[in-house]
Protein backbone atom coordinates (compact mmCIF):
# COMPACT_ATOMS: atom_id res chain seq x y z
CA MET A 1 -13.65 41.77 -22.48
CA SER A 2 -17.17 42.00 -20.10
CA ILE A 3 -18.63 44.90 -22.47
CA GLN A 4 -17.55 46.13 -26.09
CA ILE A 5 -19.08 48.83 -27.75
CA SER A 6 -18.28 49.89 -31.66
CA LYS A 7 -19.78 52.44 -33.53
CA LEU A 8 -23.04 52.77 -31.31
CA SER A 9 -25.68 55.02 -32.83
CA LYS A 10 -29.16 55.84 -31.44
CA THR A 11 -31.68 58.65 -32.56
CA TYR A 12 -34.85 59.62 -31.02
CA GLY A 13 -37.15 61.28 -33.88
CA THR A 14 -34.46 63.71 -35.41
CA GLN A 15 -31.91 64.07 -32.44
CA LYS A 16 -28.94 62.00 -32.49
CA VAL A 17 -28.58 60.68 -29.03
CA LEU A 18 -25.12 58.67 -29.72
CA LYS A 19 -22.96 59.12 -32.47
CA ASN A 20 -21.05 56.23 -33.16
CA ILE A 21 -19.28 55.42 -29.90
CA ALA A 22 -16.91 52.77 -29.01
CA PHE A 23 -15.43 51.75 -25.55
CA GLU A 24 -14.53 48.70 -23.88
CA ILE A 25 -14.23 47.41 -20.16
CA ALA A 26 -12.37 44.53 -19.04
CA ALA A 27 -13.50 42.07 -16.34
CA GLY A 28 -13.02 43.57 -12.92
CA GLU A 29 -13.13 47.04 -13.85
CA VAL A 30 -15.07 49.49 -11.83
CA VAL A 31 -15.87 52.28 -14.63
CA GLY A 32 -17.57 55.94 -14.13
CA PHE A 33 -19.93 56.91 -16.68
CA LEU A 34 -19.50 60.72 -16.36
CA GLY A 35 -21.54 63.36 -18.24
CA PRO A 36 -23.84 66.72 -18.06
CA ASN A 37 -27.56 65.76 -18.27
CA GLY A 38 -28.71 64.67 -21.61
CA ALA A 39 -25.19 63.54 -22.47
CA GLY A 40 -26.26 59.75 -23.52
CA LYS A 41 -25.13 58.08 -20.51
CA THR A 42 -28.94 56.78 -19.75
CA THR A 43 -29.53 55.59 -23.08
CA THR A 44 -25.80 53.80 -23.45
CA MET A 45 -26.67 51.79 -20.14
CA LYS A 46 -30.29 51.05 -21.07
CA ILE A 47 -28.99 49.73 -24.48
CA ILE A 48 -26.24 47.85 -22.81
CA ALA A 49 -28.63 46.26 -20.34
CA GLY A 50 -31.08 45.01 -23.53
CA ALA A 51 -34.00 47.53 -22.29
CA LEU A 52 -33.34 49.80 -25.01
CA ALA A 53 -33.03 48.99 -28.88
CA TYR A 54 -30.31 50.62 -30.78
CA ASP A 55 -29.89 51.60 -34.73
CA SER A 56 -26.36 50.81 -35.79
CA GLY A 57 -23.26 49.21 -34.24
CA SER A 58 -22.64 46.64 -32.37
CA VAL A 59 -22.96 45.98 -28.61
CA ARG A 60 -21.33 42.49 -26.97
CA VAL A 61 -21.59 41.58 -23.31
CA CYS A 62 -19.46 38.97 -22.41
CA GLY A 63 -18.75 38.04 -26.12
CA TRP A 64 -22.56 38.14 -26.72
CA GLU A 65 -24.19 40.36 -29.24
CA VAL A 66 -27.15 42.08 -27.21
CA ARG A 67 -29.39 42.38 -30.30
CA ASP A 68 -28.81 38.47 -31.08
CA ASN A 69 -28.69 37.10 -27.70
CA PRO A 70 -31.47 39.58 -25.58
CA LEU A 71 -32.12 36.21 -22.79
CA LYS A 72 -28.60 35.45 -22.97
CA THR A 73 -27.08 39.31 -22.09
CA LYS A 74 -29.58 39.65 -19.76
CA SER A 75 -28.58 36.62 -17.82
CA LEU A 76 -25.41 37.92 -17.43
CA ILE A 77 -26.40 41.60 -16.27
CA GLY A 78 -27.58 43.27 -13.34
CA TYR A 79 -29.07 46.57 -14.00
CA LEU A 80 -30.49 49.28 -11.53
CA PRO A 81 -32.20 52.20 -13.25
CA GLU A 82 -31.99 55.71 -12.23
CA GLN A 83 -35.68 55.31 -11.06
CA ASN A 84 -35.43 52.30 -8.48
CA PRO A 85 -38.66 50.12 -9.75
CA LEU A 86 -39.73 48.78 -6.68
CA TYR A 87 -43.27 47.23 -5.76
CA THR A 88 -43.57 49.04 -2.39
CA ASP A 89 -46.55 47.15 -0.86
CA MET A 90 -44.39 43.52 -0.80
CA TYR A 91 -42.12 42.98 1.64
CA VAL A 92 -38.42 42.68 0.97
CA LYS A 93 -37.80 38.94 1.02
CA GLU A 94 -41.36 38.30 -1.13
CA TYR A 95 -39.90 41.00 -3.69
CA LEU A 96 -36.89 39.45 -4.09
CA HIS A 97 -38.57 35.72 -4.67
CA PHE A 98 -40.36 37.32 -7.39
CA VAL A 99 -37.25 38.86 -9.34
CA ALA A 100 -35.77 35.38 -8.85
CA SER A 101 -38.76 33.34 -10.13
CA SER A 102 -38.02 35.28 -13.67
CA TYR A 103 -34.56 33.46 -13.48
CA ASP A 104 -33.43 29.98 -14.13
CA ILE A 105 -32.17 29.86 -10.51
CA LYS A 106 -32.17 26.34 -9.13
CA HIS A 107 -31.93 27.19 -5.36
CA LYS A 108 -33.63 30.32 -5.24
CA LYS A 109 -33.97 30.55 -1.42
CA GLU A 110 -30.64 30.08 -0.40
CA ARG A 111 -29.50 32.52 -3.28
CA ILE A 112 -32.11 35.19 -2.04
CA GLY A 113 -30.51 34.80 1.49
CA ALA A 114 -26.90 35.37 0.40
CA VAL A 115 -27.88 38.38 -1.24
CA ILE A 116 -29.67 40.00 1.72
CA GLU A 117 -26.83 39.08 3.59
CA GLN A 118 -24.32 40.80 0.78
CA VAL A 119 -26.11 44.08 0.69
CA GLY A 120 -26.35 44.38 4.31
CA LEU A 121 -30.38 43.97 4.62
CA LEU A 122 -30.68 41.66 7.28
CA PRO A 123 -32.30 44.25 9.49
CA GLU A 124 -34.90 45.08 7.52
CA TYR A 125 -35.54 42.25 5.00
CA LYS A 126 -38.76 41.63 7.26
CA LYS A 127 -40.52 44.89 6.64
CA LYS A 128 -42.42 45.75 3.54
CA ILE A 129 -40.39 47.98 0.70
CA ARG A 130 -42.60 51.29 1.76
CA GLN A 131 -41.49 50.98 5.39
CA LEU A 132 -37.43 51.45 4.37
CA SER A 133 -35.44 54.47 3.99
CA LYS A 134 -34.04 55.52 0.63
CA GLY A 135 -30.88 54.13 1.56
CA TYR A 136 -32.38 50.62 2.33
CA ARG A 137 -34.50 50.65 -0.93
CA GLN A 138 -31.38 51.28 -3.04
CA ARG A 139 -29.73 48.45 -1.01
CA VAL A 140 -33.02 46.48 -2.19
CA GLY A 141 -32.46 47.77 -5.59
CA LEU A 142 -28.95 46.36 -5.71
CA ALA A 143 -30.08 42.90 -4.27
CA GLN A 144 -32.65 42.71 -7.44
CA ALA A 145 -29.77 43.25 -9.59
CA LEU A 146 -27.46 40.88 -7.71
CA ILE A 147 -30.10 37.90 -7.70
CA PRO A 148 -28.75 36.18 -10.80
CA ASP A 149 -25.17 36.68 -10.07
CA PRO A 150 -24.36 38.92 -12.60
CA ASN A 151 -20.87 39.43 -14.37
CA VAL A 152 -21.85 42.80 -15.15
CA LEU A 153 -23.48 45.25 -12.80
CA ILE A 154 -24.81 48.42 -14.71
CA LEU A 155 -26.00 51.16 -12.00
CA ASP A 156 -27.63 53.98 -13.02
CA GLU A 157 -26.90 56.96 -10.57
CA PRO A 158 -27.21 54.95 -7.72
CA THR A 159 -26.53 57.32 -4.73
CA THR A 160 -29.01 60.20 -5.98
CA GLY A 161 -30.80 61.81 -2.99
CA LEU A 162 -28.72 59.52 -0.05
CA ASP A 163 -27.80 61.22 3.12
CA PRO A 164 -23.89 61.33 3.90
CA ASN A 165 -24.23 58.08 6.00
CA GLN A 166 -26.13 56.13 3.25
CA LEU A 167 -23.85 57.55 0.63
CA ASP A 168 -20.77 55.94 2.54
CA GLU A 169 -22.56 52.76 2.94
CA ILE A 170 -23.59 52.42 -0.68
CA ARG A 171 -20.32 53.27 -2.07
CA MET A 172 -18.55 50.79 0.12
CA LEU A 173 -21.07 48.45 -0.72
CA ILE A 174 -20.38 48.74 -4.73
CA ARG A 175 -16.40 49.04 -3.96
CA ASN A 176 -16.96 45.46 -2.34
CA LEU A 177 -18.94 44.69 -5.55
CA GLY A 178 -16.78 45.66 -7.73
CA LYS A 179 -14.03 43.21 -6.23
CA GLU A 180 -16.01 40.07 -8.00
CA ARG A 181 -17.56 41.44 -10.96
CA THR A 182 -17.17 44.36 -13.95
CA VAL A 183 -18.93 47.55 -12.82
CA LEU A 184 -20.37 50.31 -14.97
CA LEU A 185 -21.80 53.34 -12.99
CA SER A 186 -23.30 56.85 -13.81
CA THR A 187 -23.28 59.69 -11.73
CA HIS A 188 -22.95 63.48 -11.75
CA ILE A 189 -20.82 63.49 -8.45
CA MET A 190 -17.16 63.79 -8.64
CA GLN A 191 -16.70 62.55 -5.23
CA GLU A 192 -18.23 59.09 -6.31
CA ILE A 193 -15.53 58.85 -9.20
CA LYS A 194 -12.81 59.00 -6.99
CA ALA A 195 -14.50 57.04 -4.19
CA ILE A 196 -15.38 53.98 -6.17
CA CYS A 197 -13.93 53.94 -9.47
CA ASN A 198 -10.99 52.91 -11.05
CA ARG A 199 -11.42 54.20 -14.47
CA VAL A 200 -13.86 57.19 -16.07
CA ILE A 201 -15.51 57.67 -19.31
CA VAL A 202 -16.85 60.91 -20.27
CA ILE A 203 -19.45 61.37 -22.80
CA ASN A 204 -20.94 64.75 -24.40
CA GLN A 205 -23.39 65.48 -26.34
CA GLY A 206 -23.85 62.00 -27.49
CA GLU A 207 -19.78 61.34 -27.89
CA ILE A 208 -16.99 60.04 -25.87
CA VAL A 209 -14.83 62.89 -25.04
CA ALA A 210 -12.51 61.25 -22.72
CA ASP A 211 -11.45 57.69 -21.32
CA TYR A 212 -8.95 58.31 -18.30
CA THR A 213 -7.57 55.68 -16.34
CA ASP A 214 -5.74 57.31 -14.15
CA LEU A 215 -7.85 59.40 -11.51
CA SER A 216 -4.80 61.71 -10.60
CA GLU A 217 -5.71 65.24 -9.83
CA ARG A 218 -3.31 67.04 -12.13
CA THR A 219 -4.43 65.81 -15.34
CA THR A 220 -6.87 67.21 -18.30
CA PHE A 221 -8.32 64.81 -21.01
CA GLU A 222 -7.84 67.04 -23.33
CA GLU A 223 -4.33 68.52 -23.90
CA ALA A 224 -1.46 68.88 -21.63
CA CYS A 225 -1.84 71.62 -18.80
CA PHE A 226 0.58 72.36 -16.14
CA ARG A 227 -0.19 74.86 -13.59
CA PHE A 228 1.88 76.20 -10.95
CA GLU A 229 2.14 79.16 -8.53
CA VAL A 230 5.41 81.35 -8.44
CA GLU A 231 5.63 83.87 -5.53
CA PHE A 232 8.71 86.79 -6.13
CA ALA A 233 10.65 88.71 -3.42
CA GLU A 234 9.64 91.74 -5.04
CA THR A 235 6.89 92.45 -7.73
CA PRO A 236 8.41 91.58 -11.02
CA GLU A 237 7.42 93.27 -14.33
CA LYS A 238 4.64 91.14 -15.64
CA ALA A 239 5.25 91.84 -19.31
CA SER A 240 8.67 90.67 -19.02
CA LEU A 241 7.57 87.64 -17.22
CA GLN A 242 4.45 87.07 -19.78
CA SER A 243 7.29 87.09 -22.82
CA ILE A 244 8.56 83.51 -21.45
CA SER A 245 7.99 80.82 -24.09
CA GLY A 246 5.16 78.44 -23.27
CA ILE A 247 2.86 80.44 -20.71
CA ARG A 248 -0.56 80.16 -21.75
CA SER A 249 -2.17 82.48 -18.91
CA LEU A 250 -0.44 84.79 -16.25
CA LEU A 251 -3.03 85.50 -13.32
CA HIS A 252 -2.11 87.30 -9.70
CA ALA A 253 -2.32 84.73 -7.42
CA ALA A 254 -2.43 85.91 -3.65
CA ASN A 255 -0.80 89.48 -4.12
CA GLU A 256 1.14 91.67 -6.73
CA LYS A 257 3.88 89.45 -5.94
CA SER A 258 2.68 85.71 -6.52
CA PHE A 259 1.17 84.81 -10.05
CA GLU A 260 -0.84 81.62 -11.33
CA ILE A 261 1.02 80.39 -14.48
CA THR A 262 -0.54 77.73 -16.73
CA ALA A 263 1.74 76.66 -19.68
CA GLY A 264 1.67 73.43 -22.03
CA SER A 265 4.29 71.77 -20.37
CA ASP A 266 6.73 72.03 -17.41
CA ILE A 267 8.56 74.95 -17.86
CA ARG A 268 9.75 75.57 -14.06
CA ALA A 269 13.23 75.58 -15.16
CA THR A 270 12.60 78.10 -18.13
CA VAL A 271 11.23 80.36 -15.10
CA PHE A 272 14.19 79.96 -13.03
CA ASP A 273 16.18 81.03 -15.75
CA TRP A 274 14.57 84.01 -16.64
CA ALA A 275 14.23 84.73 -12.74
CA VAL A 276 18.20 84.78 -12.68
CA SER A 277 18.71 86.74 -15.70
CA THR A 278 16.61 89.48 -14.74
CA GLY A 279 17.53 89.55 -11.04
CA ASN A 280 14.35 88.75 -9.74
CA LYS A 281 14.56 86.17 -6.58
CA ILE A 282 12.12 83.40 -6.09
CA LEU A 283 10.63 82.71 -2.78
CA THR A 284 8.34 79.62 -3.44
CA LEU A 285 7.48 77.69 -6.47
CA LYS A 286 4.57 75.05 -6.39
CA THR A 287 2.29 72.87 -8.63
CA LYS A 288 -1.65 73.28 -8.45
CA GLU A 289 -3.63 70.58 -9.34
CA GLN A 290 -6.41 70.72 -11.49
CA SER A 291 -9.51 69.23 -9.91
CA MET A 292 -12.10 67.02 -11.37
CA GLU A 293 -14.68 69.32 -11.52
CA GLU A 294 -12.40 71.61 -13.58
CA VAL A 295 -11.72 68.60 -15.94
CA PHE A 296 -15.66 68.00 -16.46
CA ARG A 297 -16.29 71.52 -16.93
CA ASN A 298 -13.53 72.02 -19.83
CA LEU A 299 -14.97 68.90 -21.27
CA THR A 300 -18.57 69.55 -21.54
CA LYS A 301 -18.75 73.07 -21.73
């Protein structure tokens, strides 16, 4: 496993920010870390990166305990904080050489050149960082995280403030980086999860509330939930329809003849049987997917 967290807790003063959380991330996974503001995402990522001490529990990176082996684990991690800490009066290449000097890298010049090419900085690397657009500054941040050729990348809100074109470019870059190493990234943007990740971990109020590996739309994390819309030839008696076993909620959809049904399981056959027995002809019946936005709200409200 690239990351192993067990019974991790962290308290600020009287506020318990992390409450015995646990999860594991295997090599090669690109994992989205999702949660509302104040949920504990950044705290967890700082702890993994060795930038913040933890109260109790275990945090291992590639088998090494972070608390006991800080230099070793930091050499295995590339970390991009939410606030990209760049020296804006330095030239791009100068800054990356400064970063490389803090690592035991034998061929710094070759490594810096390879990273500049890898993150697409070739057109801009001769400029001062303050002359760069937000998108290229994020590339510089990714470049500094990649200098030690890490096994694990920790990216905290890597696309905040980017325009749509920059978003696409950075997402593609992160996807490509994920082909060679483990990536853990935090975000509030649902499209980010769909575009980049193959797994989602959701944290809320310091607790892991979901760990989901299948990002299909029609899934809830909390419990089985099946939604579909049915349209009848004539308006049925709502009370009779409501009496069908398994229905949790029944709402009118497009018109008086259409209903959106939520159930704990797939009860479409039961609805068909009811329609036949009561003489209500069904014109259409289609499933409705639950969006990730709805899932997120259900988990964190």
